Protein backbone atom coordinates (compact mmCIF):
# COMPACT_ATOMS: atom_id res chain seq x y z
CA UNK A 1 105.41 72.77 120.51
CA UNK A 2 103.10 70.14 122.26
CA UNK A 3 99.89 69.51 124.09
CA UNK A 4 97.61 72.55 124.32
CA UNK A 5 100.31 74.61 122.85
CA UNK A 6 99.82 72.63 119.45
CA UNK A 7 95.84 72.76 119.42
CA UNK A 8 95.92 76.55 120.08
CA UNK A 9 98.26 77.33 117.38
CA UNK A 10 95.96 75.07 114.86
CA UNK A 11 92.93 77.09 116.14
CA UNK A 12 94.69 80.15 116.04
CA UNK A 13 95.59 79.70 111.93
CA UNK A 14 92.48 78.69 110.86
CA UNK A 15 91.10 81.96 112.98
CA UNK A 16 93.50 83.86 111.09
CA UNK A 17 92.81 82.62 107.47
CA UNK A 18 89.28 83.18 108.01
CA UNK A 19 90.08 87.21 108.00
CA UNK A 20 92.16 86.95 105.12
CA UNK A 21 89.59 89.46 103.50
CA UNK A 22 89.79 92.10 106.79
CA UNK A 23 90.58 95.36 106.22
CA UNK A 24 94.30 95.98 106.90
CA UNK A 25 95.36 92.65 106.64
CA UNK A 26 98.15 93.51 104.48
CA UNK A 27 99.69 95.17 107.65
CA UNK A 28 99.14 92.48 109.92
CA UNK A 29 102.02 90.27 109.64
CA UNK A 30 104.74 93.22 110.95
CA UNK A 31 101.91 94.47 113.09
CA UNK A 32 102.19 90.96 114.97
CA UNK A 33 106.15 90.22 114.48
CA UNK A 34 106.35 93.69 116.20
CA UNK A 35 103.77 92.61 119.40
CA UNK A 36 106.40 89.06 119.27
CA UNK A 37 109.25 91.34 119.64
CA UNK A 38 107.75 93.09 122.59
CA UNK A 39 106.67 89.94 124.45
CA UNK A 40 110.05 88.30 123.62
CA UNK A 41 111.43 91.24 125.34
CA UNK A 42 109.19 91.96 128.60
CA UNK A 43 109.00 88.74 130.60
CA UNK A 44 106.20 89.73 133.02
CA UNK A 45 103.95 90.91 130.47
CA UNK A 46 104.24 87.78 128.83
CA UNK A 47 103.99 85.35 131.72
CA UNK A 48 100.66 87.54 132.56
CA UNK A 49 98.88 86.93 129.23
CA UNK A 50 99.97 83.23 129.36
CA UNK A 51 98.98 82.63 132.76
CA UNK A 52 95.92 80.38 132.13
CA UNK A 53 94.92 80.73 135.88
CA UNK A 54 94.18 84.33 134.69
CA UNK A 55 90.31 84.49 133.34
CA UNK A 56 89.84 84.53 129.54
CA UNK A 57 88.30 88.10 130.16
CA UNK A 58 91.35 89.61 132.24
CA UNK A 59 94.09 88.41 129.89
CA UNK A 60 92.10 89.94 127.14
CA UNK A 61 91.23 92.98 128.76
CA UNK A 62 94.88 93.15 129.33
CA UNK A 63 96.20 92.06 125.91
CA UNK A 64 93.56 95.40 124.34
CA UNK A 65 94.45 97.78 126.92
CA UNK A 66 98.59 97.54 125.74
CA UNK A 67 98.10 97.08 122.24
CA UNK A 68 95.47 98.95 121.34
CA UNK A 69 97.18 101.78 121.31
CA UNK A 70 100.24 99.87 119.16
CA UNK A 71 98.31 97.94 116.78
CA UNK A 72 95.26 98.26 114.07
CA UNK A 73 92.37 96.67 115.61
CA UNK A 74 92.28 93.89 113.62
CA UNK A 75 95.69 93.03 115.26
CA UNK A 76 94.41 93.92 118.29
CA UNK A 77 91.71 91.03 118.09
CA UNK A 78 93.96 88.62 116.95
CA UNK A 79 96.42 89.10 119.42
CA UNK A 80 93.39 89.07 122.44
CA UNK A 81 92.11 85.59 120.48
CA UNK A 82 95.45 84.52 120.62
CA UNK A 83 96.36 85.44 124.54
CA UNK A 84 92.44 84.00 125.40
CA UNK A 85 93.79 80.51 123.97
CA UNK A 86 96.03 77.91 126.28
CA UNK A 87 99.56 78.05 125.64
CA UNK A 88 101.79 75.17 127.28
CA UNK A 89 104.60 77.82 128.24
CA UNK A 90 104.72 81.92 128.25
CA UNK A 91 107.34 80.85 125.21
CA UNK A 92 105.03 78.88 122.97
CA UNK A 93 102.75 82.08 123.13
CA UNK A 94 105.21 84.11 121.80
CA UNK A 95 106.32 81.65 118.78
CA UNK A 96 102.79 81.33 118.24
CA UNK A 97 102.14 84.80 117.46
CA UNK A 98 105.65 84.74 114.87
CA UNK A 99 103.98 81.72 113.34
CA UNK A 100 100.76 83.73 112.57
CA UNK A 101 102.73 86.79 111.72
CA UNK A 102 104.31 84.65 109.24
CA UNK A 103 100.96 82.84 107.97
CA UNK A 104 99.14 86.53 107.30
CA UNK A 105 102.33 87.52 105.19
CA UNK A 106 102.27 84.16 103.10
CA UNK A 107 98.50 85.12 102.54
CA UNK A 108 99.09 88.36 101.29
CA UNK A 109 101.70 86.91 98.87
CA UNK A 110 99.44 84.25 98.08
CA UNK A 111 96.65 86.98 96.88
CA UNK A 112 99.55 89.06 95.13
CA UNK A 113 100.66 86.19 92.84
CA UNK A 114 104.02 86.08 94.56
CA UNK A 115 103.95 82.88 97.15
CA UNK A 116 105.92 80.70 94.43
CA UNK A 117 108.58 83.29 94.40
CA UNK A 118 108.48 84.05 98.39
CA UNK A 119 109.26 80.11 98.89
CA UNK A 120 111.93 79.49 96.26
CA UNK A 121 113.70 82.68 97.82
CA UNK A 122 113.07 81.37 101.22
CA UNK A 123 114.59 78.28 100.28
CA UNK A 124 117.29 79.53 98.18
CA UNK A 125 118.16 81.56 101.19
CA UNK A 126 118.85 78.74 103.39
CA UNK A 127 121.18 77.29 100.87
CA UNK A 128 122.97 80.21 100.79
CA UNK A 129 123.51 80.18 104.81
CA UNK A 130 124.24 76.31 104.42
CA UNK A 131 127.63 76.80 101.92
CA UNK A 132 128.86 79.76 104.08
CA UNK A 133 130.08 79.56 107.03
CA UNK A 134 130.89 82.95 108.02
CA UNK A 135 126.72 83.79 107.20
CA UNK A 136 125.77 80.87 109.96
CA UNK A 137 128.34 81.98 112.30
CA UNK A 138 127.05 85.62 111.99
CA UNK A 139 123.14 85.02 112.34
CA UNK A 140 123.55 82.66 115.12
CA UNK A 141 125.89 84.10 116.99
CA UNK A 142 123.82 85.05 120.18
CA UNK A 143 125.92 88.44 120.69
CA UNK A 144 124.92 90.06 117.27
CA UNK A 145 121.69 91.64 117.89
CA UNK A 146 118.53 91.00 116.21
CA UNK A 147 118.88 94.19 114.22
CA UNK A 148 122.00 93.62 112.72
CA UNK A 149 120.85 90.00 111.95
CA UNK A 150 117.83 91.96 110.00
CA UNK A 151 120.14 94.46 108.46
CA UNK A 152 122.57 91.28 107.19
CA UNK A 153 119.21 89.39 105.66
CA UNK A 154 118.14 92.57 104.07
CA UNK A 155 121.79 92.58 102.50
CA UNK A 156 121.65 89.60 101.19
CA UNK A 157 118.82 89.88 99.35
CA UNK A 158 119.42 93.12 98.42
CA UNK A 159 115.93 94.23 97.42
CA UNK A 160 115.91 91.06 95.12
CA UNK A 161 113.03 89.24 97.40
CA UNK A 162 109.19 89.68 97.82
CA UNK A 163 107.97 92.04 100.76
CA UNK A 164 107.20 88.70 102.45
CA UNK A 165 110.56 86.84 101.83
CA UNK A 166 112.68 90.38 103.00
CA UNK A 167 109.54 90.92 106.18
CA UNK A 168 109.54 86.92 107.59
CA UNK A 169 113.37 86.17 106.98
CA UNK A 170 114.67 89.92 108.59
CA UNK A 171 112.78 89.28 111.56
CA UNK A 172 112.66 85.46 111.85
CA UNK A 173 116.03 85.38 111.87
CA UNK A 174 116.75 87.64 114.36
CA UNK A 175 114.18 85.78 116.98
CA UNK A 176 115.68 82.12 116.97
CA UNK A 177 114.86 82.14 120.15
CA UNK A 178 117.90 78.87 120.77
CA UNK A 179 116.22 76.96 117.47
CA UNK A 180 118.39 76.21 114.65
CA UNK A 181 118.92 78.38 111.83
CA UNK A 182 118.49 75.58 109.15
CA UNK A 183 115.16 73.52 110.84
CA UNK A 184 113.72 77.46 110.82
CA UNK A 185 114.37 77.74 107.71
CA UNK A 186 113.04 74.33 106.61
CA UNK A 187 109.78 75.11 108.86
CA UNK A 188 109.14 78.28 106.85
CA UNK A 189 109.29 76.46 103.40
CA UNK A 190 106.45 74.28 105.04
CA UNK A 191 104.27 76.93 106.18
CA UNK A 192 104.46 78.61 102.62
CA UNK A 193 103.69 75.54 100.80
CA UNK A 194 100.95 75.15 103.67
CA UNK A 195 99.03 78.59 102.51
CA UNK A 196 98.30 76.32 99.31
CA UNK A 197 97.80 72.82 100.72
CA UNK A 198 100.81 71.58 99.09
CA UNK A 199 103.79 69.54 100.09
CA UNK A 200 107.64 70.85 99.52
CA UNK A 201 110.03 67.71 98.71
CA UNK A 202 113.68 69.09 99.15
CA UNK A 203 115.54 67.39 96.06
CA UNK A 204 119.05 67.32 96.23
CA UNK A 205 121.21 66.18 92.64
CA UNK A 206 124.86 65.96 91.18
CA UNK A 207 123.53 67.94 88.02
CA UNK A 208 120.07 69.79 87.31
CA UNK A 209 117.18 68.14 86.39
CA UNK A 210 115.43 68.85 83.38
CA UNK A 211 111.87 70.26 83.14
CA UNK A 212 110.77 66.14 82.22
CA UNK A 213 112.53 64.95 84.86
CA UNK A 214 111.30 67.47 87.60
CA UNK A 215 107.50 66.65 86.42
CA UNK A 216 108.11 63.18 86.68
CA UNK A 217 109.79 63.30 90.06
CA UNK A 218 106.97 65.65 90.95
CA UNK A 219 103.87 63.51 89.94
CA UNK A 220 105.30 60.34 91.21
CA UNK A 221 106.22 61.90 94.84
CA UNK A 222 102.17 63.47 94.41
CA UNK A 223 100.92 60.49 93.59
CA UNK A 224 102.60 58.64 96.79
CA UNK A 225 102.00 61.49 99.45
CA UNK A 226 98.12 62.16 97.66
CA UNK A 227 98.56 65.81 97.08
CA UNK A 228 100.56 67.54 95.44
CA UNK A 229 104.16 68.06 95.88
CA UNK A 230 106.29 71.00 94.73
CA UNK A 231 110.02 70.37 94.56
CA UNK A 232 112.88 72.52 95.99
CA UNK A 233 115.93 71.96 93.96
CA UNK A 234 119.86 71.91 94.69
CA UNK A 235 122.56 70.59 92.98
CA UNK A 236 125.18 69.04 95.41
CA UNK A 237 128.05 67.30 93.79
CA UNK A 238 128.54 65.11 96.89
CA UNK A 239 125.78 62.78 95.83
CA UNK A 240 127.61 61.92 92.76
CA UNK A 241 124.73 60.76 91.03
CA UNK A 242 121.08 59.34 91.72
CA UNK A 243 118.76 61.67 94.14
CA UNK A 244 118.17 62.48 97.66
CA UNK A 245 114.17 63.31 98.63
CA UNK A 246 113.53 64.37 101.77
CA UNK A 247 109.26 65.12 102.20
CA UNK A 248 109.29 66.02 105.95
CA UNK A 249 110.36 63.73 108.46
CA UNK A 250 110.48 61.06 105.51
CA UNK A 251 113.66 60.51 103.42
CA UNK A 252 114.58 58.54 100.58
CA UNK A 253 118.13 58.27 99.75
CA UNK A 254 118.82 56.80 96.43
CA UNK A 255 122.28 58.62 95.85
CA UNK A 256 125.63 57.41 94.40
CA UNK A 257 127.20 58.35 97.44
CA UNK A 258 124.78 56.35 99.98
CA UNK A 259 124.70 53.61 97.86
CA UNK A 260 129.09 53.57 98.30
CA UNK A 261 128.74 54.46 101.65
CA UNK A 262 126.23 51.00 102.24
CA UNK A 263 128.63 49.57 100.62
CA UNK A 264 131.38 50.30 102.67
CA UNK A 265 129.90 49.60 106.09
CA UNK A 266 129.09 45.74 104.34
CA UNK A 267 133.20 45.11 103.14
CA UNK A 268 133.72 46.56 107.23
CA UNK A 269 130.81 44.67 109.00
């Protein structure tokens, strides 16, 4: 998101956080996903709710008229607040509702002591997709319906994931809106980490790190970033040795594979 949409999303995220103690918050994620799903299919309604040329009062009234009988009072208030904000495109409105749904799901997982498990499950799901071209094709094929993609996600999790993991992945994977699946999974991990104001580092190594190595690496990265950094470690034999670390847009590639590639370029250069 760019421009007005980015600022609006930040504002709405803060407002949602303030509602965590509200009655019915536990079901808010599912309700926001249902609203986003409807708006994703109904372009005329989506355009009307995102039209900044209409007054805030008019958009608020329309949102309450359409959704007041479909979702809870809490969800209706959240949707009304969202449509009252400014969005650069009508699609940004849908994406904002989806992201707020994810934020609500992660907040509930946090309250239930399941946030760490949820974050790790989403990360491991992403790794499983990376390693299976068949799954990638099935989950990114435009001809596959959202319901079919959600069913694939649930079959993969087989009841082993937290409620937040299942609800978020089942909905988001079925509603990529042209986004790359790996980028979406990475963004979900960042959202989960942000719930506790932590930073996630994606780490790739040829062999598993032991507890002391993981602790020391996390300590070094935490000092560099000025905040707690959590490691998502994946074993990738192709790195040969050393360690690859990605924190947000920053990459530290100290792998043997990278050094060999650099040497090859020097020789050929």
